[in-house]
Amino acid sequence: MNLSLRKADFLLFFIFAAAALISAVSFPRPAAGKRMVRIISYGEEYGTYPLETDAEIEIAREGHRNVVIIRDGIVHMDYSNCKNQICVHTGEISDKGETIVCLPNYVIVEIIGTGEGGDEDGSVDAIVK
């Protein structure tokens, strides 16, 4: 069995390597999407806010009141008039897919991504063995 490489084999290898390099560099990656804060109250979207912009959002419906704070790319439930205060004690969220839920007041606060592509922020969704 003779496995000697000829000049044509080296030339073919370099042509394929150059084509792979050119295609990897020339195709632009999709722009990373912005992370947004979506607030849902009583099953309806209350509002969507950019995570990069500081804001204080008050959600007041049917006697229930919640205050959500967005500051420095981090979101937390600052106030709720619910009895158990689990939503307030949930803490801060900042990554896509994280949520704060206030069941007694029917409020959901979640971080979402926008833009093209699959996982816009490059975070790991799952690890499979």
C-alpha atoms as a PDB file:
ATOM      1  CA  MET A   1       0.000   0.000   0.000  1.00  0.00           C
ATOM      2  CA  ASN A   2       1.624   3.222  -1.189  1.00  0.00           C
ATOM      3  CA  LEU A   3       0.339   6.392   0.521  1.00  0.00           C
ATOM      4  CA  SER A   4       2.757   8.918  -0.881  1.00  0.00           C
ATOM      5  CA  LEU A   5       1.569  12.472  -1.360  1.00  0.00           C
ATOM      6  CA  ARG A   6       2.139  14.230  -4.620  1.00  0.00           C
ATOM      7  CA  LYS A   7       2.373  17.929  -5.404  1.00  0.00           C
ATOM      8  CA  ALA A   8      -1.220  17.851  -6.634  1.00  0.00           C
ATOM      9  CA  ASP A   9      -2.381  16.493  -3.257  1.00  0.00           C
ATOM     10  CA  PHE A  10      -0.677  19.365  -1.393  1.00  0.00           C
ATOM     11  CA  LEU A  11      -2.141  21.872  -3.845  1.00  0.00           C
ATOM     12  CA  LEU A  12      -5.616  20.433  -3.397  1.00  0.00           C
ATOM     13  CA  PHE A  13      -5.233  20.535   0.407  1.00  0.00           C
ATOM     14  CA  PHE A  14      -4.203  24.209   0.380  1.00  0.00           C
ATOM     15  CA  ILE A  15      -7.050  25.129  -1.975  1.00  0.00           C
ATOM     16  CA  PHE A  16      -9.592  23.566   0.415  1.00  0.00           C
ATOM     17  CA  ALA A  17      -7.948  25.165   3.456  1.00  0.00           C
ATOM     18  CA  ALA A  18      -7.934  28.598   1.779  1.00  0.00           C
ATOM     19  CA  ALA A  19     -11.589  28.212   0.751  1.00  0.00           C
ATOM     20  CA  ALA A  20     -12.560  27.282   4.313  1.00  0.00           C
ATOM     21  CA  LEU A  21     -10.667  30.246   5.749  1.00  0.00           C
ATOM     22  CA  ILE A  22     -12.162  32.692   3.244  1.00  0.00           C
ATOM     23  CA  SER A  23     -15.706  31.450   3.867  1.00  0.00           C
ATOM     24  CA  ALA A  24     -15.275  31.642   7.652  1.00  0.00           C
ATOM     25  CA  VAL A  25     -14.060  35.231   7.454  1.00  0.00           C
ATOM     26  CA  SER A  26     -16.362  36.536   4.716  1.00  0.00           C
ATOM     27  CA  PHE A  27     -19.734  35.411   6.092  1.00  0.00           C
ATOM     28  CA  PRO A  28     -20.799  37.890   8.742  1.00  0.00           C
ATOM     29  CA  ARG A  29     -22.163  36.597  12.001  1.00  0.00           C
ATOM     30  CA  PRO A  30     -25.626  37.746  12.960  1.00  0.00           C
ATOM     31  CA  ALA A  31     -25.571  40.794  15.194  1.00  0.00           C
ATOM     32  CA  ALA A  32     -26.062  40.006  18.828  1.00  0.00           C
ATOM     33  CA  GLY A  33     -29.561  40.883  19.917  1.00  0.00           C
ATOM     34  CA  LYS A  34     -30.349  43.207  22.741  1.00  0.00           C
ATOM     35  CA  ARG A  35     -31.647  41.835  25.983  1.00  0.00           C
ATOM     36  CA  MET A  36     -35.016  43.215  26.933  1.00  0.00           C
ATOM     37  CA  VAL A  37     -37.214  43.065  30.020  1.00  0.00           C
ATOM     38  CA  ARG A  38     -40.754  41.882  29.295  1.00  0.00           C
ATOM     39  CA  ILE A  39     -43.403  42.374  31.956  1.00  0.00           C
ATOM     40  CA  ILE A  40     -46.613  40.369  31.786  1.00  0.00           C
ATOM     41  CA  SER A  41     -49.557  41.260  34.007  1.00  0.00           C
ATOM     42  CA  TYR A  42     -52.759  39.224  34.122  1.00  0.00           C
ATOM     43  CA  GLY A  43     -51.611  37.207  31.103  1.00  0.00           C
ATOM     44  CA  GLU A  44     -51.173  40.266  28.882  1.00  0.00           C
ATOM     45  CA  GLU A  45     -47.951  42.023  27.947  1.00  0.00           C
ATOM     46  CA  TYR A  46     -47.663  45.103  30.129  1.00  0.00           C
ATOM     47  CA  GLY A  47     -44.523  46.394  28.439  1.00  0.00           C
ATOM     48  CA  THR A  48     -41.062  45.623  27.059  1.00  0.00           C
ATOM     49  CA  TYR A  49     -38.089  47.688  28.174  1.00  0.00           C
ATOM     50  CA  PRO A  50     -34.393  47.714  27.152  1.00  0.00           C
ATOM     51  CA  LEU A  51     -32.131  46.249  29.805  1.00  0.00           C
ATOM     52  CA  GLU A  52     -29.513  48.933  29.091  1.00  0.00           C
ATOM     53  CA  THR A  53     -31.836  51.790  30.065  1.00  0.00           C
ATOM     54  CA  ASP A  54     -32.442  52.484  33.758  1.00  0.00           C
ATOM     55  CA  ALA A  55     -36.134  52.623  34.636  1.00  0.00           C
ATOM     56  CA  GLU A  56     -38.648  52.261  37.446  1.00  0.00           C
ATOM     57  CA  ILE A  57     -41.856  50.577  36.286  1.00  0.00           C
ATOM     58  CA  GLU A  58     -44.979  50.513  38.441  1.00  0.00           C
ATOM     59  CA  ILE A  59     -47.570  47.846  37.679  1.00  0.00           C
ATOM     60  CA  ALA A  60     -50.903  48.629  39.347  1.00  0.00           C
ATOM     61  CA  ARG A  61     -53.974  46.554  38.463  1.00  0.00           C
ATOM     62  CA  GLU A  62     -57.058  45.495  40.398  1.00  0.00           C
ATOM     63  CA  GLY A  63     -55.662  46.481  43.783  1.00  0.00           C
ATOM     64  CA  HIS A  64     -52.299  44.805  43.208  1.00  0.00           C
ATOM     65  CA  ARG A  65     -49.120  46.885  43.016  1.00  0.00           C
ATOM     66  CA  ASN A  66     -45.583  45.918  41.979  1.00  0.00           C
ATOM     67  CA  VAL A  67     -42.535  48.083  41.299  1.00  0.00           C
ATOM     68  CA  VAL A  68     -39.796  46.757  39.001  1.00  0.00           C
ATOM     69  CA  ILE A  69     -36.393  48.478  38.884  1.00  0.00           C
ATOM     70  CA  ILE A  70     -34.002  48.257  35.917  1.00  0.00           C
ATOM     71  CA  ARG A  71     -30.570  49.628  36.779  1.00  0.00           C
ATOM     72  CA  ASP A  72     -27.119  48.964  35.273  1.00  0.00           C
ATOM     73  CA  GLY A  73     -28.382  45.990  33.239  1.00  0.00           C
ATOM     74  CA  ILE A  74     -29.914  44.283  36.287  1.00  0.00           C
ATOM     75  CA  VAL A  75     -33.610  43.867  37.132  1.00  0.00           C
ATOM     76  CA  HIS A  76     -35.268  43.294  40.494  1.00  0.00           C
ATOM     77  CA  MET A  77     -38.713  43.527  42.046  1.00  0.00           C
ATOM     78  CA  ASP A  78     -38.386  46.447  44.428  1.00  0.00           C
ATOM     79  CA  TYR A  79     -41.875  46.376  45.912  1.00  0.00           C
ATOM     80  CA  SER A  80     -44.975  44.215  45.932  1.00  0.00           C
ATOM     81  CA  ASN A  81     -48.068  44.408  48.095  1.00  0.00           C
ATOM     82  CA  CYS A  82     -48.491  40.614  48.004  1.00  0.00           C
ATOM     83  CA  LYS A  83     -48.419  38.694  51.280  1.00  0.00           C
ATOM     84  CA  ASN A  84     -45.580  36.231  50.685  1.00  0.00           C
ATOM     85  CA  GLN A  85     -42.954  38.587  49.139  1.00  0.00           C
ATOM     86  CA  ILE A  86     -41.276  35.730  47.225  1.00  0.00           C
ATOM     87  CA  CYS A  87     -40.965  37.961  44.154  1.00  0.00           C
ATOM     88  CA  VAL A  88     -39.120  40.637  46.148  1.00  0.00           C
ATOM     89  CA  HIS A  89     -36.786  38.062  47.692  1.00  0.00           C
ATOM     90  CA  THR A  90     -36.055  36.418  44.318  1.00  0.00           C
ATOM     91  CA  GLY A  91     -33.243  38.914  43.873  1.00  0.00           C
ATOM     92  CA  GLU A  92     -31.696  40.294  40.725  1.00  0.00           C
ATOM     93  CA  ILE A  93     -31.866  38.892  37.211  1.00  0.00           C
ATOM     94  CA  SER A  94     -29.844  39.874  34.145  1.00  0.00           C
ATOM     95  CA  ASP A  95     -29.501  36.834  31.854  1.00  0.00           C
ATOM     96  CA  LYS A  96     -31.784  35.771  29.044  1.00  0.00           C
ATOM     97  CA  GLY A  97     -34.429  33.333  30.272  1.00  0.00           C
ATOM     98  CA  GLU A  98     -34.366  34.393  33.924  1.00  0.00           C
ATOM     99  CA  THR A  99     -37.702  35.325  35.509  1.00  0.00           C
ATOM    100  CA  ILE A 100     -39.248  36.893  38.568  1.00  0.00           C
ATOM    101  CA  VAL A 101     -42.813  35.774  39.247  1.00  0.00           C
ATOM    102  CA  CYS A 102     -45.382  37.272  41.602  1.00  0.00           C
ATOM    103  CA  LEU A 103     -48.206  34.721  41.623  1.00  0.00           C
ATOM    104  CA  PRO A 104     -50.578  36.569  43.994  1.00  0.00           C
ATOM    105  CA  ASN A 105     -50.405  39.712  41.811  1.00  0.00           C
ATOM    106  CA  TYR A 106     -50.295  37.889  38.458  1.00  0.00           C
ATOM    107  CA  VAL A 107     -47.012  39.533  37.363  1.00  0.00           C
ATOM    108  CA  ILE A 108     -44.147  37.918  35.421  1.00  0.00           C
ATOM    109  CA  VAL A 109     -40.876  39.726  34.726  1.00  0.00           C
ATOM    110  CA  GLU A 110     -38.545  38.002  32.263  1.00  0.00           C
ATOM    111  CA  ILE A 111     -35.366  38.706  30.333  1.00  0.00           C
ATOM    112  CA  ILE A 112     -35.720  38.048  26.622  1.00  0.00           C
ATOM    113  CA  GLY A 113     -33.366  38.408  23.658  1.00  0.00           C
ATOM    114  CA  THR A 114     -34.149  40.020  20.348  1.00  0.00           C
ATOM    115  CA  GLY A 115     -32.450  39.831  16.986  1.00  0.00           C
ATOM    116  CA  GLU A 116     -31.440  37.193  14.483  1.00  0.00           C
ATOM    117  CA  GLY A 117     -29.974  33.797  15.184  1.00  0.00           C
ATOM    118  CA  GLY A 118     -30.477  31.225  17.890  1.00  0.00           C
ATOM    119  CA  ASP A 119     -28.908  32.204  21.161  1.00  0.00           C
ATOM    120  CA  GLU A 120     -28.321  35.927  20.750  1.00  0.00           C
ATOM    121  CA  ASP A 121     -26.323  36.524  23.897  1.00  0.00           C
ATOM    122  CA  GLY A 122     -24.041  33.506  23.478  1.00  0.00           C
ATOM    123  CA  SER A 123     -25.028  31.991  26.797  1.00  0.00           C
ATOM    124  CA  VAL A 124     -25.241  28.240  27.283  1.00  0.00           C
ATOM    125  CA  ASP A 125     -28.790  26.935  27.082  1.00  0.00           C
ATOM    126  CA  ALA A 126     -28.077  23.332  28.074  1.00  0.00           C
ATOM    127  CA  ILE A 127     -25.236  20.887  28.477  1.00  0.00           C
ATOM    128  CA  VAL A 128     -25.799  17.342  27.227  1.00  0.00           C
ATOM    129  CA  LYS A 129     -23.548  14.406  28.056  1.00  0.00           C
END
